[in-house]
Amino acid sequence: MTNPDNSLVDVHLLLTREQAWAVAEFCKRVGWADIRQLSADDAEADGAQTGLMVLANELARVGFKPR
């Protein structure tokens, strides 16, 4: 589902510590090429990459920041 008006969406997650570390590591390791390969076009890839950066920043804010 898309969000054509580009408004913010408030998402709440409950993760185990193990899941939080795994997602934080994934966000650190995944690159543009990986994201682009799985996206329909550059715009979708840009949005996915930005979303993953937001997720990684929030995980870091609560203590899950891989080296």
Protein backbone atom coordinates (compact mmCIF):
# COMPACT_ATOMS: atom_id res chain seq x y z
CA MET A 1 0.00 0.00 0.00
CA THR A 2 1.34 3.42 -0.88
CA ASN A 3 1.13 6.72 0.93
CA PRO A 4 0.66 9.14 -2.00
CA ASP A 5 0.39 12.30 0.07
CA ASN A 6 3.76 11.51 1.74
CA SER A 7 2.39 12.20 5.22
CA LEU A 8 4.09 10.60 8.19
CA VAL A 9 2.86 7.26 9.51
CA ASP A 10 3.28 6.40 13.20
CA VAL A 11 4.43 2.77 13.57
CA HIS A 12 4.92 1.04 16.93
CA LEU A 13 6.98 -2.15 17.18
CA LEU A 14 7.51 -4.65 19.94
CA LEU A 15 10.66 -6.70 19.36
CA THR A 16 12.67 -9.05 21.49
CA ARG A 17 16.23 -7.87 22.19
CA GLU A 18 17.47 -10.55 19.78
CA GLN A 19 15.14 -9.30 17.04
CA ALA A 20 16.13 -5.68 17.65
CA TRP A 21 19.83 -6.51 17.33
CA ALA A 22 19.19 -8.57 14.19
CA VAL A 23 17.20 -5.78 12.53
CA ALA A 24 19.82 -3.19 13.54
CA GLU A 25 22.57 -5.36 12.02
CA PHE A 26 20.50 -5.84 8.86
CA CYS A 27 19.96 -2.09 8.49
CA LYS A 28 23.71 -1.58 8.88
CA ARG A 29 24.64 -4.22 6.30
CA VAL A 30 22.05 -3.79 3.57
CA GLY A 31 23.18 -1.52 0.76
CA TRP A 32 21.69 0.42 -2.13
CA ALA A 33 22.34 -2.41 -4.61
CA ASP A 34 20.47 -4.92 -2.42
CA ILE A 35 17.53 -2.58 -1.96
CA ARG A 36 17.41 -1.54 -5.62
CA GLN A 37 17.48 -5.14 -6.82
CA LEU A 38 14.32 -5.85 -4.83
CA SER A 39 12.52 -2.60 -5.70
CA ALA A 40 10.36 -1.75 -8.70
CA ASP A 41 12.30 1.43 -9.49
CA ASP A 42 14.75 3.98 -8.09
CA ALA A 43 12.02 5.95 -6.32
CA GLU A 44 10.82 2.90 -4.43
CA ALA A 45 14.42 1.99 -3.55
CA ASP A 46 15.05 5.54 -2.28
CA GLY A 47 11.97 5.32 -0.08
CA ALA A 48 12.96 1.92 1.27
CA GLN A 49 16.50 3.07 1.99
CA THR A 50 15.25 6.17 3.79
CA GLY A 51 12.78 4.09 5.80
CA LEU A 52 15.52 1.68 6.84
CA MET A 53 17.68 4.63 7.92
CA VAL A 54 14.83 5.94 10.08
CA LEU A 55 14.38 2.47 11.59
CA ALA A 56 18.13 2.14 12.25
CA ASN A 57 18.22 5.57 13.90
CA GLU A 58 15.32 4.69 16.20
CA LEU A 59 16.93 1.38 17.14
CA ALA A 60 20.18 3.24 17.89
CA ARG A 61 18.28 5.77 19.98
CA VAL A 62 17.08 2.98 22.28
CA GLY A 63 20.47 1.30 22.49
CA PHE A 64 20.71 -1.00 19.48
CA LYS A 65 23.57 0.46 17.44
CA PRO A 66 25.93 -2.08 15.90
CA ARG A 67 29.55 -1.09 15.44
